[in-house]
Amino acid sequence: MNRTELTQLKEHVSRRIATLETLLFESGGARRHDTDQDDDEAAKMDQTLSAEVASRISQAERTELVRLKNNLTWLESDDAGYCDGCGKPIPFARLMAVPVTRQCIECAQC
């Protein structure tokens, strides 16, 4: 990976981090909106399921955020762009598509 690609990847990761932080901040302040159907069992079930889905999505976003921040640190190291498994360079296209990866496709499939 050359300097230009490294810069592009860092910017890509930084933008994704900013997006996730915004999403998590906004969802953290979200409140449940009461409906006129609070006595309706179907509406209650829908609210329960929606809350569960939102919670799982939020957890996935937090996990991705941690991994992205770790990879941003990794990109500053001498190991940046090299597979943790075999030590070969990870293709730039893979790093852009899956910015949380530290493995080449072959090692990731094992």
C-alpha atoms as a PDB file:
ATOM      1  CA  MET A   1       0.000   0.000   0.000  1.00  0.00           C
ATOM      2  CA  ASN A   2       1.485   3.319  -1.029  1.00  0.00           C
ATOM      3  CA  ARG A   3       1.189   6.631   0.851  1.00  0.00           C
ATOM      4  CA  THR A   4      -1.753   7.852  -1.221  1.00  0.00           C
ATOM      5  CA  GLU A   5      -3.696   4.659  -0.563  1.00  0.00           C
ATOM      6  CA  LEU A   6      -2.808   4.801   3.133  1.00  0.00           C
ATOM      7  CA  THR A   7      -4.083   8.379   3.323  1.00  0.00           C
ATOM      8  CA  GLN A   8      -7.292   7.425   1.507  1.00  0.00           C
ATOM      9  CA  LEU A   9      -7.838   4.477   3.832  1.00  0.00           C
ATOM     10  CA  LYS A  10      -7.269   6.583   6.958  1.00  0.00           C
ATOM     11  CA  GLU A  11      -9.751   9.170   5.686  1.00  0.00           C
ATOM     12  CA  HIS A  12     -12.264   6.423   4.860  1.00  0.00           C
ATOM     13  CA  VAL A  13     -11.933   4.917   8.345  1.00  0.00           C
ATOM     14  CA  SER A  14     -12.129   8.348   9.989  1.00  0.00           C
ATOM     15  CA  ARG A  15     -15.341   9.198   8.102  1.00  0.00           C
ATOM     16  CA  ARG A  16     -16.913   5.889   9.134  1.00  0.00           C
ATOM     17  CA  ILE A  17     -15.917   6.511  12.760  1.00  0.00           C
ATOM     18  CA  ALA A  18     -17.526   9.963  12.633  1.00  0.00           C
ATOM     19  CA  THR A  19     -20.700   8.505  11.114  1.00  0.00           C
ATOM     20  CA  LEU A  20     -20.951   5.798  13.767  1.00  0.00           C
ATOM     21  CA  GLU A  21     -20.301   8.241  16.597  1.00  0.00           C
ATOM     22  CA  THR A  22     -23.086  10.472  15.270  1.00  0.00           C
ATOM     23  CA  LEU A  23     -25.495   7.547  14.954  1.00  0.00           C
ATOM     24  CA  LEU A  24     -24.710   6.285  18.438  1.00  0.00           C
ATOM     25  CA  PHE A  25     -25.000   9.751  19.954  1.00  0.00           C
ATOM     26  CA  GLU A  26     -28.365  10.325  18.296  1.00  0.00           C
ATOM     27  CA  SER A  27     -29.734   6.892  19.212  1.00  0.00           C
ATOM     28  CA  GLY A  28     -28.551   7.329  22.786  1.00  0.00           C
ATOM     29  CA  GLY A  29     -30.784  10.353  23.132  1.00  0.00           C
ATOM     30  CA  ALA A  30     -33.729   8.818  21.355  1.00  0.00           C
ATOM     31  CA  ARG A  31     -36.889   8.482  23.377  1.00  0.00           C
ATOM     32  CA  ARG A  32     -39.804   6.182  22.983  1.00  0.00           C
ATOM     33  CA  HIS A  33     -42.716   7.991  21.411  1.00  0.00           C
ATOM     34  CA  ASP A  34     -46.047   7.193  22.970  1.00  0.00           C
ATOM     35  CA  THR A  35     -48.788   6.273  20.599  1.00  0.00           C
ATOM     36  CA  ASP A  36     -52.524   6.407  20.885  1.00  0.00           C
ATOM     37  CA  GLN A  37     -52.399   2.623  20.798  1.00  0.00           C
ATOM     38  CA  ASP A  38     -50.537   2.008  24.062  1.00  0.00           C
ATOM     39  CA  ASP A  39     -53.323  -0.298  25.182  1.00  0.00           C
ATOM     40  CA  ASP A  40     -53.113  -2.304  21.960  1.00  0.00           C
ATOM     41  CA  GLU A  41     -51.171  -5.558  22.488  1.00  0.00           C
ATOM     42  CA  ALA A  42     -49.929  -5.576  18.884  1.00  0.00           C
ATOM     43  CA  ALA A  43     -48.553  -2.041  19.286  1.00  0.00           C
ATOM     44  CA  LYS A  44     -46.818  -3.040  22.525  1.00  0.00           C
ATOM     45  CA  MET A  45     -45.272  -6.077  20.829  1.00  0.00           C
ATOM     46  CA  ASP A  46     -44.115  -3.902  17.925  1.00  0.00           C
ATOM     47  CA  GLN A  47     -42.484  -1.453  20.339  1.00  0.00           C
ATOM     48  CA  THR A  48     -40.762  -4.292  22.183  1.00  0.00           C
ATOM     49  CA  LEU A  49     -39.420  -5.817  18.980  1.00  0.00           C
ATOM     50  CA  SER A  50     -38.340  -2.420  17.636  1.00  0.00           C
ATOM     51  CA  ALA A  51     -36.450  -1.698  20.854  1.00  0.00           C
ATOM     52  CA  GLU A  52     -34.688  -5.085  20.674  1.00  0.00           C
ATOM     53  CA  VAL A  53     -33.683  -4.576  17.046  1.00  0.00           C
ATOM     54  CA  ALA A  54     -32.436  -1.055  17.794  1.00  0.00           C
ATOM     55  CA  SER A  55     -30.431  -2.383  20.734  1.00  0.00           C
ATOM     56  CA  ARG A  56     -28.755  -5.072  18.626  1.00  0.00           C
ATOM     57  CA  ILE A  57     -27.965  -2.608  15.839  1.00  0.00           C
ATOM     58  CA  SER A  58     -26.558  -0.181  18.376  1.00  0.00           C
ATOM     59  CA  GLN A  59     -24.330  -2.927  19.838  1.00  0.00           C
ATOM     60  CA  ALA A  60     -23.077  -3.851  16.367  1.00  0.00           C
ATOM     61  CA  GLU A  61     -22.275  -0.195  15.691  1.00  0.00           C
ATOM     62  CA  ARG A  62     -20.367   0.088  18.991  1.00  0.00           C
ATOM     63  CA  THR A  63     -18.375  -3.045  18.147  1.00  0.00           C
ATOM     64  CA  GLU A  64     -17.562  -1.729  14.677  1.00  0.00           C
ATOM     65  CA  LEU A  65     -16.548   1.622  16.161  1.00  0.00           C
ATOM     66  CA  VAL A  66     -14.059  -0.026  18.530  1.00  0.00           C
ATOM     67  CA  ARG A  67     -12.620  -2.142  15.720  1.00  0.00           C
ATOM     68  CA  LEU A  68     -12.303   0.892  13.431  1.00  0.00           C
ATOM     69  CA  LYS A  69     -10.513   2.897  16.104  1.00  0.00           C
ATOM     70  CA  ASN A  70      -8.139  -0.014  16.687  1.00  0.00           C
ATOM     71  CA  ASN A  71      -7.476  -0.262  12.953  1.00  0.00           C
ATOM     72  CA  LEU A  72      -6.822   3.460  12.733  1.00  0.00           C
ATOM     73  CA  THR A  73      -4.078   2.937  15.325  1.00  0.00           C
ATOM     74  CA  TRP A  74      -2.862  -0.117  13.359  1.00  0.00           C
ATOM     75  CA  LEU A  75      -2.652   2.038  10.213  1.00  0.00           C
ATOM     76  CA  GLU A  76      -0.123   4.231  12.020  1.00  0.00           C
ATOM     77  CA  SER A  77       2.126   1.222  12.716  1.00  0.00           C
ATOM     78  CA  ASP A  78       4.732  -0.548  10.586  1.00  0.00           C
ATOM     79  CA  ASP A  79       2.349  -3.520  10.315  1.00  0.00           C
ATOM     80  CA  ALA A  80      -0.269  -1.464   8.462  1.00  0.00           C
ATOM     81  CA  GLY A  81      -1.659  -3.237   5.446  1.00  0.00           C
ATOM     82  CA  TYR A  82      -0.057  -6.597   6.189  1.00  0.00           C
ATOM     83  CA  CYS A  83      -2.043  -9.691   7.116  1.00  0.00           C
ATOM     84  CA  ASP A  84      -1.850 -10.695  10.778  1.00  0.00           C
ATOM     85  CA  GLY A  85      -2.012 -14.336   9.704  1.00  0.00           C
ATOM     86  CA  CYS A  86       0.520 -14.730   6.897  1.00  0.00           C
ATOM     87  CA  GLY A  87       2.270 -11.354   6.750  1.00  0.00           C
ATOM     88  CA  LYS A  88       1.440 -10.765   3.086  1.00  0.00           C
ATOM     89  CA  PRO A  89       0.084  -7.387   1.947  1.00  0.00           C
ATOM     90  CA  ILE A  90      -3.689  -7.049   2.163  1.00  0.00           C
ATOM     91  CA  PRO A  91      -5.045  -5.681  -1.135  1.00  0.00           C
ATOM     92  CA  PHE A  92      -6.062  -2.029  -0.913  1.00  0.00           C
ATOM     93  CA  ALA A  93      -9.509  -2.817  -2.349  1.00  0.00           C
ATOM     94  CA  ARG A  94     -10.136  -5.285   0.507  1.00  0.00           C
ATOM     95  CA  LEU A  95      -9.060  -2.747   3.115  1.00  0.00           C
ATOM     96  CA  MET A  96     -11.415  -0.165   1.624  1.00  0.00           C
ATOM     97  CA  ALA A  97     -14.303  -2.648   1.437  1.00  0.00           C
ATOM     98  CA  VAL A  98     -13.725  -4.079   4.920  1.00  0.00           C
ATOM     99  CA  PRO A  99     -11.829  -1.393   6.835  1.00  0.00           C
ATOM    100  CA  VAL A 100     -11.916  -3.394  10.080  1.00  0.00           C
ATOM    101  CA  THR A 101      -9.976  -6.306   8.601  1.00  0.00           C
ATOM    102  CA  ARG A 102      -6.420  -7.232   9.428  1.00  0.00           C
ATOM    103  CA  GLN A 103      -6.354 -10.392   7.364  1.00  0.00           C
ATOM    104  CA  CYS A 104      -6.093 -11.264   3.711  1.00  0.00           C
ATOM    105  CA  ILE A 105      -8.978 -13.205   2.191  1.00  0.00           C
ATOM    106  CA  GLU A 106      -7.144 -16.527   2.409  1.00  0.00           C
ATOM    107  CA  CYS A 107      -6.416 -16.201   6.139  1.00  0.00           C
ATOM    108  CA  ALA A 108      -9.886 -14.835   6.878  1.00  0.00           C
ATOM    109  CA  GLN A 109     -11.453 -17.951   5.338  1.00  0.00           C
ATOM    110  CA  CYS A 110      -9.508 -20.329   7.606  1.00  0.00           C
END
